[in-house]
PDB file of all heavy atoms in Angstrom:
ATOM      1  N   ASP A   1     -24.412  24.443  25.983  1.00  0.00           N
ATOM      2  CA  ASP A   1     -23.404  23.533  26.500  1.00  0.00           C
ATOM      3  C   ASP A   1     -22.927  22.707  25.279  1.00  0.00           C
ATOM      4  O   ASP A   1     -23.692  22.377  24.404  1.00  0.00           O
ATOM      5  CB  ASP A   1     -24.019  22.596  27.531  1.00  0.00           C
ATOM      6  CG  ASP A   1     -24.513  23.401  28.754  1.00  0.00           C
ATOM      7  OD1 ASP A   1     -23.648  24.071  29.387  1.00  0.00           O
ATOM      8  OD2 ASP A   1     -25.724  23.373  29.053  1.00  0.00           O
ATOM      9  N   LEU A   2     -21.683  22.369  25.365  1.00  0.00           N
ATOM     10  CA  LEU A   2     -21.060  21.679  24.218  1.00  0.00           C
ATOM     11  C   LEU A   2     -20.292  20.405  24.805  1.00  0.00           C
ATOM     12  O   LEU A   2     -19.542  20.582  25.737  1.00  0.00           O
ATOM     13  CB  LEU A   2     -20.084  22.601  23.488  1.00  0.00           C
ATOM     14  CG  LEU A   2     -19.285  21.998  22.333  1.00  0.00           C
ATOM     15  CD1 LEU A   2     -20.159  21.426  21.267  1.00  0.00           C
ATOM     16  CD2 LEU A   2     -18.325  23.009  21.785  1.00  0.00           C
ATOM     17  N   ILE A   3     -20.599  19.260  24.267  1.00  0.00           N
ATOM     18  CA  ILE A   3     -19.833  18.067  24.607  1.00  0.00           C
ATOM     19  C   ILE A   3     -19.130  17.611  23.350  1.00  0.00           C
ATOM     20  O   ILE A   3     -19.764  17.435  22.308  1.00  0.00           O
ATOM     21  CB  ILE A   3     -20.767  16.962  25.129  1.00  0.00           C
ATOM     22  CG1 ILE A   3     -21.477  17.396  26.438  1.00  0.00           C
ATOM     23  CG2 ILE A   3     -19.969  15.662  25.361  1.00  0.00           C
ATOM     24  CD1 ILE A   3     -22.520  16.384  26.944  1.00  0.00           C
ATOM     25  N   ILE A   4     -17.798  17.456  23.437  1.00  0.00           N
ATOM     26  CA  ILE A   4     -17.014  16.976  22.322  1.00  0.00           C
ATOM     27  C   ILE A   4     -16.497  15.621  22.656  1.00  0.00           C
ATOM     28  O   ILE A   4     -15.898  15.375  23.721  1.00  0.00           O
ATOM     29  CB  ILE A   4     -15.818  17.927  22.060  1.00  0.00           C
ATOM     30  CG1 ILE A   4     -16.330  19.318  21.681  1.00  0.00           C
ATOM     31  CG2 ILE A   4     -14.936  17.380  20.952  1.00  0.00           C
ATOM     32  CD1 ILE A   4     -15.224  20.369  21.570  1.00  0.00           C
ATOM     33  N   VAL A   5     -16.818  14.671  21.782  1.00  0.00           N
ATOM     34  CA  VAL A   5     -16.409  13.275  22.009  1.00  0.00           C
ATOM     35  C   VAL A   5     -15.386  12.853  20.960  1.00  0.00           C
ATOM     36  O   VAL A   5     -15.659  12.889  19.753  1.00  0.00           O
ATOM     37  CB  VAL A   5     -17.626  12.295  21.893  1.00  0.00           C
ATOM     38  CG1 VAL A   5     -17.194  10.852  22.173  1.00  0.00           C
ATOM     39  CG2 VAL A   5     -18.688  12.741  22.930  1.00  0.00           C
ATOM     40  N   ILE A   6     -14.203  12.449  21.429  1.00  0.00           N
ATOM     41  CA  ILE A   6     -13.153  12.001  20.528  1.00  0.00           C
ATOM     42  C   ILE A   6     -12.729  10.585  20.961  1.00  0.00           C
ATOM     43  O   ILE A   6     -12.292  10.376  22.125  1.00  0.00           O
ATOM     44  CB  ILE A   6     -11.937  12.929  20.596  1.00  0.00           C
ATOM     45  CG1 ILE A   6     -12.261  14.325  20.115  1.00  0.00           C
ATOM     46  CG2 ILE A   6     -10.788  12.345  19.723  1.00  0.00           C
ATOM     47  CD1 ILE A   6     -12.649  14.413  18.640  1.00  0.00           C
ATOM     48  N   ASN A   7     -12.914   9.652  20.102  1.00  0.00           N
ATOM     49  CA  ASN A   7     -12.467   8.269  20.273  1.00  0.00           C
ATOM     50  C   ASN A   7     -11.363   7.961  19.223  1.00  0.00           C
ATOM     51  O   ASN A   7     -11.275   8.673  18.202  1.00  0.00           O
ATOM     52  CB  ASN A   7     -13.581   7.281  20.131  1.00  0.00           C
ATOM     53  CG  ASN A   7     -14.581   7.371  21.292  1.00  0.00           C
ATOM     54  OD1 ASN A   7     -14.234   7.695  22.384  1.00  0.00           O
ATOM     55  ND2 ASN A   7     -15.848   7.142  20.933  1.00  0.00           N
ATOM     56  N   ASP A   8     -10.623   6.898  19.496  1.00  0.00           N
ATOM     57  CA  ASP A   8      -9.607   6.500  18.514  1.00  0.00           C
ATOM     58  C   ASP A   8      -9.690   5.016  18.249  1.00  0.00           C
ATOM     59  O   ASP A   8      -8.688   4.313  18.116  1.00  0.00           O
ATOM     60  CB  ASP A   8      -8.216   6.924  18.881  1.00  0.00           C
ATOM     61  CG  ASP A   8      -7.727   6.248  20.181  1.00  0.00           C
ATOM     62  OD1 ASP A   8      -8.498   5.547  20.850  1.00  0.00           O
ATOM     63  OD2 ASP A   8      -6.538   6.409  20.491  1.00  0.00           O
ATOM     64  N   ASN A   9     -10.935   4.521  18.167  1.00  0.00           N
ATOM     65  CA  ASN A   9     -11.109   3.118  17.843  1.00  0.00           C
ATOM     66  C   ASN A   9     -10.762   2.941  16.363  1.00  0.00           C
ATOM     67  O   ASN A   9     -10.602   3.920  15.589  1.00  0.00           O
ATOM     68  CB  ASN A   9     -12.570   2.727  18.024  1.00  0.00           C
ATOM     69  CG  ASN A   9     -12.990   2.796  19.493  1.00  0.00           C
ATOM     70  OD1 ASN A   9     -12.278   2.239  20.326  1.00  0.00           O
ATOM     71  ND2 ASN A   9     -14.076   3.504  19.780  1.00  0.00           N
ATOM     72  N   SER A  10     -10.559   1.688  15.931  1.00  0.00           N
ATOM     73  CA  SER A  10     -10.105   1.484  14.533  1.00  0.00           C
ATOM     74  C   SER A  10     -11.072   2.112  13.538  1.00  0.00           C
ATOM     75  O   SER A  10     -10.628   2.620  12.463  1.00  0.00           O
ATOM     76  CB  SER A  10      -9.954  -0.003  14.256  1.00  0.00           C
ATOM     77  OG  SER A  10     -11.167  -0.695  14.427  1.00  0.00           O
ATOM     78  N   GLN A  11     -12.370   2.171  13.800  1.00  0.00           N
ATOM     79  CA  GLN A  11     -13.317   2.770  12.850  1.00  0.00           C
ATOM     80  C   GLN A  11     -13.151   4.275  12.772  1.00  0.00           C
ATOM     81  O   GLN A  11     -13.515   4.897  11.767  1.00  0.00           O
ATOM     82  CB  GLN A  11     -14.772   2.499  13.270  1.00  0.00           C
ATOM     83  CG  GLN A  11     -15.112   1.046  13.385  1.00  0.00           C
ATOM     84  CD  GLN A  11     -14.935   0.504  14.843  1.00  0.00           C
ATOM     85  OE1 GLN A  11     -13.992   0.891  15.520  1.00  0.00           O
ATOM     86  NE2 GLN A  11     -15.862  -0.318  15.234  1.00  0.00           N
ATOM     87  N   ASP A  12     -12.609   4.883  13.853  1.00  0.00           N
ATOM     88  CA  ASP A  12     -12.382   6.356  13.859  1.00  0.00           C
ATOM     89  C   ASP A  12     -11.065   6.707  13.163  1.00  0.00           C
ATOM     90  O   ASP A  12     -10.899   7.858  12.745  1.00  0.00           O
ATOM     91  CB  ASP A  12     -12.323   6.853  15.306  1.00  0.00           C
ATOM     92  CG  ASP A  12     -13.539   6.559  16.063  1.00  0.00           C
ATOM     93  OD1 ASP A  12     -14.635   6.922  15.609  1.00  0.00           O
ATOM     94  OD2 ASP A  12     -13.429   5.955  17.175  1.00  0.00           O
ATOM     95  N   GLY A  13     -10.122   5.799  13.157  1.00  0.00           N
ATOM     96  CA  GLY A  13      -8.735   6.081  12.814  1.00  0.00           C
ATOM     97  C   GLY A  13      -7.983   6.376  14.110  1.00  0.00           C
ATOM     98  O   GLY A  13      -8.472   7.108  14.962  1.00  0.00           O
ATOM     99  N   THR A  14      -6.878   5.681  14.226  1.00  0.00           N
ATOM    100  CA  THR A  14      -6.186   5.792  15.571  1.00  0.00           C
ATOM    101  C   THR A  14      -5.307   7.029  15.692  1.00  0.00           C
ATOM    102  O   THR A  14      -4.834   7.361  16.759  1.00  0.00           O
ATOM    103  CB  THR A  14      -5.335   4.575  15.792  1.00  0.00           C
ATOM    104  OG1 THR A  14      -4.457   4.412  14.671  1.00  0.00           O
ATOM    105  CG2 THR A  14      -6.198   3.311  15.895  1.00  0.00           C
ATOM    106  N   ASP A  15      -5.143   7.743  14.594  1.00  0.00           N
ATOM    107  CA  ASP A  15      -4.353   9.014  14.629  1.00  0.00           C
ATOM    108  C   ASP A  15      -5.315  10.187  14.793  1.00  0.00           C
ATOM    109  O   ASP A  15      -6.037  10.522  13.852  1.00  0.00           O
ATOM    110  CB  ASP A  15      -3.558   9.164  13.374  1.00  0.00           C
ATOM    111  CG  ASP A  15      -2.740  10.429  13.295  1.00  0.00           C
ATOM    112  OD1 ASP A  15      -2.730  11.204  14.324  1.00  0.00           O
ATOM    113  OD2 ASP A  15      -2.110  10.677  12.252  1.00  0.00           O
ATOM    114  N   VAL A  16      -5.295  10.863  15.926  1.00  0.00           N
ATOM    115  CA  VAL A  16      -6.204  11.992  16.150  1.00  0.00           C
ATOM    116  C   VAL A  16      -5.394  13.298  16.093  1.00  0.00           C
ATOM    117  O   VAL A  16      -5.920  14.309  16.561  1.00  0.00           O
ATOM    118  CB  VAL A  16      -6.965  11.847  17.529  1.00  0.00           C
ATOM    119  CG1 VAL A  16      -7.898  10.667  17.497  1.00  0.00           C
ATOM    120  CG2 VAL A  16      -6.011  11.812  18.692  1.00  0.00           C
ATOM    121  N   SER A  17      -4.256  13.300  15.488  1.00  0.00           N
ATOM    122  CA  SER A  17      -3.473  14.528  15.395  1.00  0.00           C
ATOM    123  C   SER A  17      -4.186  15.628  14.631  1.00  0.00           C
ATOM    124  O   SER A  17      -3.864  16.803  14.766  1.00  0.00           O
ATOM    125  CB  SER A  17      -2.109  14.234  14.782  1.00  0.00           C
ATOM    126  OG  SER A  17      -2.208  13.752  13.468  1.00  0.00           O
ATOM    127  N   TRP A  18      -5.182  15.258  13.803  1.00  0.00           N
ATOM    128  CA  TRP A  18      -5.955  16.226  13.034  1.00  0.00           C
ATOM    129  C   TRP A  18      -6.656  17.214  13.922  1.00  0.00           C
ATOM    130  O   TRP A  18      -7.042  18.311  13.469  1.00  0.00           O
ATOM    131  CB  TRP A  18      -6.919  15.520  12.124  1.00  0.00           C
ATOM    132  CG  TRP A  18      -7.911  14.590  12.808  1.00  0.00           C
ATOM    133  CD1 TRP A  18      -7.734  13.250  12.986  1.00  0.00           C
ATOM    134  CD2 TRP A  18      -9.140  14.929  13.442  1.00  0.00           C
ATOM    135  NE1 TRP A  18      -8.805  12.775  13.686  1.00  0.00           N
ATOM    136  CE2 TRP A  18      -9.644  13.772  14.011  1.00  0.00           C
ATOM    137  CE3 TRP A  18      -9.818  16.131  13.646  1.00  0.00           C
ATOM    138  CZ2 TRP A  18     -10.836  13.746  14.725  1.00  0.00           C
ATOM    139  CZ3 TRP A  18     -11.026  16.089  14.322  1.00  0.00           C
ATOM    140  CH2 TRP A  18     -11.515  14.936  14.874  1.00  0.00           C
ATOM    141  N   ILE A  19      -6.869  16.901  15.251  1.00  0.00           N
ATOM    142  CA  ILE A  19      -7.531  17.881  16.086  1.00  0.00           C
ATOM    143  C   ILE A  19      -6.786  19.223  16.196  1.00  0.00           C
ATOM    144  O   ILE A  19      -7.386  20.221  16.528  1.00  0.00           O
ATOM    145  CB  ILE A  19      -7.882  17.337  17.512  1.00  0.00           C
ATOM    146  CG1 ILE A  19      -6.629  16.982  18.329  1.00  0.00           C
ATOM    147  CG2 ILE A  19      -8.813  16.080  17.415  1.00  0.00           C
ATOM    148  CD1 ILE A  19      -6.878  16.545  19.731  1.00  0.00           C
ATOM    149  N   TRP A  20      -5.470  19.128  15.938  1.00  0.00           N
ATOM    150  CA  TRP A  20      -4.657  20.367  15.964  1.00  0.00           C
ATOM    151  C   TRP A  20      -4.882  21.237  14.726  1.00  0.00           C
ATOM    152  O   TRP A  20      -4.439  22.415  14.753  1.00  0.00           O
ATOM    153  CB  TRP A  20      -3.191  19.979  16.160  1.00  0.00           C
ATOM    154  CG  TRP A  20      -3.014  19.366  17.513  1.00  0.00           C
ATOM    155  CD1 TRP A  20      -3.037  18.086  17.830  1.00  0.00           C
ATOM    156  CD2 TRP A  20      -2.771  20.095  18.719  1.00  0.00           C
ATOM    157  NE1 TRP A  20      -2.881  17.902  19.182  1.00  0.00           N
ATOM    158  CE2 TRP A  20      -2.701  19.147  19.769  1.00  0.00           C
ATOM    159  CE3 TRP A  20      -2.706  21.430  19.053  1.00  0.00           C
ATOM    160  CZ2 TRP A  20      -2.527  19.534  21.101  1.00  0.00           C
ATOM    161  CZ3 TRP A  20      -2.502  21.792  20.373  1.00  0.00           C
ATOM    162  CH2 TRP A  20      -2.391  20.825  21.360  1.00  0.00           C
ATOM    163  N   ASP A  21      -5.535  20.708  13.683  1.00  0.00           N
ATOM    164  CA  ASP A  21      -5.837  21.499  12.515  1.00  0.00           C
ATOM    165  C   ASP A  21      -7.217  22.149  12.592  1.00  0.00           C
ATOM    166  O   ASP A  21      -7.536  22.982  11.747  1.00  0.00           O
ATOM    167  CB  ASP A  21      -5.761  20.624  11.307  1.00  0.00           C
ATOM    168  CG  ASP A  21      -4.403  20.018  11.092  1.00  0.00           C
ATOM    169  OD1 ASP A  21      -3.407  20.725  11.383  1.00  0.00           O
ATOM    170  OD2 ASP A  21      -4.338  18.868  10.621  1.00  0.00           O
ATOM    171  N   VAL A  22      -8.038  21.798  13.591  1.00  0.00           N
ATOM    172  CA  VAL A  22      -9.351  22.373  13.711  1.00  0.00           C
ATOM    173  C   VAL A  22      -9.230  23.736  14.381  1.00  0.00           C
ATOM    174  O   VAL A  22      -8.446  23.957  15.315  1.00  0.00           O
ATOM    175  CB  VAL A  22     -10.270  21.463  14.641  1.00  0.00           C
ATOM    176  CG1 VAL A  22     -11.600  22.114  14.814  1.00  0.00           C
ATOM    177  CG2 VAL A  22     -10.370  20.071  13.984  1.00  0.00           C
ATOM    178  N   ASP A  23     -10.056  24.683  13.930  1.00  0.00           N
ATOM    179  CA  ASP A  23      -9.995  26.041  14.464  1.00  0.00           C
ATOM    180  C   ASP A  23     -10.907  26.177  15.697  1.00  0.00           C
ATOM    181  O   ASP A  23     -11.975  26.806  15.604  1.00  0.00           O
ATOM    182  CB  ASP A  23     -10.424  27.043  13.343  1.00  0.00           C
ATOM    183  CG  ASP A  23     -10.198  28.513  13.753  1.00  0.00           C
ATOM    184  OD1 ASP A  23      -9.656  28.730  14.918  1.00  0.00           O
ATOM    185  OD2 ASP A  23     -10.559  29.402  12.960  1.00  0.00           O
ATOM    186  N   PHE A  24     -10.490  25.509  16.740  1.00  0.00           N
ATOM    187  CA  PHE A  24     -11.290  25.548  17.979  1.00  0.00           C
ATOM    188  C   PHE A  24     -11.308  26.949  18.622  1.00  0.00           C
ATOM    189  O   PHE A  24     -12.197  27.189  19.490  1.00  0.00           O
ATOM    190  CB  PHE A  24     -10.815  24.549  18.993  1.00  0.00           C
ATOM    191  CG  PHE A  24     -11.155  23.117  18.631  1.00  0.00           C
ATOM    192  CD1 PHE A  24     -10.200  22.209  18.241  1.00  0.00           C
ATOM    193  CD2 PHE A  24     -12.469  22.661  18.672  1.00  0.00           C
ATOM    194  CE1 PHE A  24     -10.478  20.927  17.895  1.00  0.00           C
ATOM    195  CE2 PHE A  24     -12.763  21.364  18.373  1.00  0.00           C
ATOM    196  CZ  PHE A  24     -11.800  20.489  17.923  1.00  0.00           C
ATOM    197  N   GLY A  25     -10.450  27.804  18.244  1.00  0.00           N
ATOM    198  CA  GLY A  25     -10.450  29.193  18.763  1.00  0.00           C
ATOM    199  C   GLY A  25     -11.779  29.920  18.448  1.00  0.00           C
ATOM    200  O   GLY A  25     -12.116  30.821  19.195  1.00  0.00           O
TER     201      GLY A  25
END
């Protein structure tokens, strides 16, 4: 089982557009 947690708090960086560059395929 896989749980993926994505937050965009200031410590994370508020731009999460990088998820489109990950090879989730």
